[in-house]
Amino acid sequence: MEAFITLAIGVWQIVVIVLLVLLMFGGRKIPELMRGVGQGMKEFKKATSEDSDDLDDDIIDDTQDPKKIKDAKE
């Protein structure tokens, strides 16, 4: 329980982090950085959803088409 309390981030810690980011990158660079992070997250979600859709399609195709299963056994 003590480890969780020491790792908790409070409001003041967030304020300090935001101020440090502003000082390091400046106000003009932050929108560009956030846009890049957003695009990266979008691409990651798209790639993971495509992989799961491909797996679901393979499973559904094999179970719904008895001819494929019969052909595979022969």
C-alpha atoms as a PDB file:
ATOM      1  CA  MET A   1       0.000   0.000   0.000  1.00  0.00           C
ATOM      2  CA  GLU A   2       2.861   2.387   0.750  1.00  0.00           C
ATOM      3  CA  ALA A   3       4.358   1.817  -2.705  1.00  0.00           C
ATOM      4  CA  PHE A   4       1.078   2.862  -4.323  1.00  0.00           C
ATOM      5  CA  ILE A   5       0.907   6.036  -2.264  1.00  0.00           C
ATOM      6  CA  THR A   6       4.451   7.047  -3.209  1.00  0.00           C
ATOM      7  CA  LEU A   7       3.714   6.493  -6.918  1.00  0.00           C
ATOM      8  CA  ALA A   8       0.477   8.500  -6.921  1.00  0.00           C
ATOM      9  CA  ILE A   9       0.699  11.747  -8.866  1.00  0.00           C
ATOM     10  CA  GLY A  10      -1.021  14.752  -7.370  1.00  0.00           C
ATOM     11  CA  VAL A  11      -2.232  18.016  -8.840  1.00  0.00           C
ATOM     12  CA  TRP A  12       0.950  19.911  -7.975  1.00  0.00           C
ATOM     13  CA  GLN A  13       3.147  17.284  -9.623  1.00  0.00           C
ATOM     14  CA  ILE A  14       1.111  17.570 -12.819  1.00  0.00           C
ATOM     15  CA  VAL A  15       1.421  21.370 -12.726  1.00  0.00           C
ATOM     16  CA  VAL A  16       5.197  21.111 -12.338  1.00  0.00           C
ATOM     17  CA  ILE A  17       5.435  18.629 -15.233  1.00  0.00           C
ATOM     18  CA  VAL A  18       3.360  20.890 -17.502  1.00  0.00           C
ATOM     19  CA  LEU A  19       5.519  23.892 -16.626  1.00  0.00           C
ATOM     20  CA  LEU A  20       8.697  21.940 -17.344  1.00  0.00           C
ATOM     21  CA  VAL A  21       7.341  20.827 -20.730  1.00  0.00           C
ATOM     22  CA  LEU A  22       6.437  24.434 -21.558  1.00  0.00           C
ATOM     23  CA  LEU A  23       9.925  25.593 -20.635  1.00  0.00           C
ATOM     24  CA  MET A  24      11.672  22.843 -22.591  1.00  0.00           C
ATOM     25  CA  PHE A  25       9.662  22.936 -25.817  1.00  0.00           C
ATOM     26  CA  GLY A  26       7.930  26.316 -25.826  1.00  0.00           C
ATOM     27  CA  GLY A  27       4.313  27.091 -26.565  1.00  0.00           C
ATOM     28  CA  ARG A  28       4.620  26.844 -30.348  1.00  0.00           C
ATOM     29  CA  LYS A  29       6.116  23.376 -30.438  1.00  0.00           C
ATOM     30  CA  ILE A  30       3.621  21.667 -28.105  1.00  0.00           C
ATOM     31  CA  PRO A  31       0.703  21.470 -30.619  1.00  0.00           C
ATOM     32  CA  GLU A  32       3.023  19.789 -33.114  1.00  0.00           C
ATOM     33  CA  LEU A  33       4.163  17.290 -30.498  1.00  0.00           C
ATOM     34  CA  MET A  34       0.596  16.491 -29.447  1.00  0.00           C
ATOM     35  CA  ARG A  35      -0.480  16.118 -33.082  1.00  0.00           C
ATOM     36  CA  GLY A  36       2.300  13.578 -33.596  1.00  0.00           C
ATOM     37  CA  VAL A  37       1.277  11.676 -30.482  1.00  0.00           C
ATOM     38  CA  GLY A  38      -2.348  11.630 -31.667  1.00  0.00           C
ATOM     39  CA  GLN A  39      -1.407  10.328 -35.103  1.00  0.00           C
ATOM     40  CA  GLY A  40       0.744   7.631 -33.552  1.00  0.00           C
ATOM     41  CA  MET A  41      -2.093   6.514 -31.299  1.00  0.00           C
ATOM     42  CA  LYS A  42      -4.509   6.475 -34.245  1.00  0.00           C
ATOM     43  CA  GLU A  43      -2.152   4.309 -36.317  1.00  0.00           C
ATOM     44  CA  PHE A  44      -1.600   1.941 -33.398  1.00  0.00           C
ATOM     45  CA  LYS A  45      -5.351   1.509 -32.816  1.00  0.00           C
ATOM     46  CA  LYS A  46      -5.917   0.978 -36.544  1.00  0.00           C
ATOM     47  CA  ALA A  47      -3.202  -1.684 -36.733  1.00  0.00           C
ATOM     48  CA  THR A  48      -4.466  -3.551 -33.676  1.00  0.00           C
ATOM     49  CA  SER A  49      -8.081  -3.470 -34.877  1.00  0.00           C
ATOM     50  CA  GLU A  50      -7.072  -4.742 -38.318  1.00  0.00           C
ATOM     51  CA  ASP A  51      -5.198  -7.657 -36.763  1.00  0.00           C
ATOM     52  CA  SER A  52      -8.122  -8.615 -34.552  1.00  0.00           C
ATOM     53  CA  ASP A  53     -10.554  -8.284 -37.494  1.00  0.00           C
ATOM     54  CA  ASP A  54      -8.361 -10.582 -39.586  1.00  0.00           C
ATOM     55  CA  LEU A  55      -8.328 -13.182 -36.837  1.00  0.00           C
ATOM     56  CA  ASP A  56     -12.088 -12.957 -36.352  1.00  0.00           C
ATOM     57  CA  ASP A  57     -12.706 -13.316 -40.104  1.00  0.00           C
ATOM     58  CA  ASP A  58     -10.546 -16.454 -40.290  1.00  0.00           C
ATOM     59  CA  ILE A  59     -12.345 -18.064 -37.375  1.00  0.00           C
ATOM     60  CA  ILE A  60     -15.808 -17.192 -38.688  1.00  0.00           C
ATOM     61  CA  ASP A  61     -15.030 -18.348 -42.244  1.00  0.00           C
ATOM     62  CA  ASP A  62     -13.809 -21.759 -41.083  1.00  0.00           C
ATOM     63  CA  THR A  63     -16.729 -22.428 -38.776  1.00  0.00           C
ATOM     64  CA  GLN A  64     -19.529 -21.201 -41.063  1.00  0.00           C
ATOM     65  CA  ASP A  65     -18.504 -22.942 -44.259  1.00  0.00           C
ATOM     66  CA  PRO A  66     -18.811 -26.734 -43.851  1.00  0.00           C
ATOM     67  CA  LYS A  67     -17.427 -27.300 -47.366  1.00  0.00           C
ATOM     68  CA  LYS A  68     -14.061 -25.799 -46.364  1.00  0.00           C
ATOM     69  CA  ILE A  69     -13.908 -28.025 -43.309  1.00  0.00           C
ATOM     70  CA  LYS A  70     -14.845 -31.087 -45.374  1.00  0.00           C
ATOM     71  CA  ASP A  71     -12.233 -30.230 -48.020  1.00  0.00           C
ATOM     72  CA  ALA A  72      -9.582 -29.720 -45.360  1.00  0.00           C
ATOM     73  CA  LYS A  73     -10.214 -33.170 -43.879  1.00  0.00           C
ATOM     74  CA  GLU A  74      -9.760 -34.892 -47.247  1.00  0.00           C
END
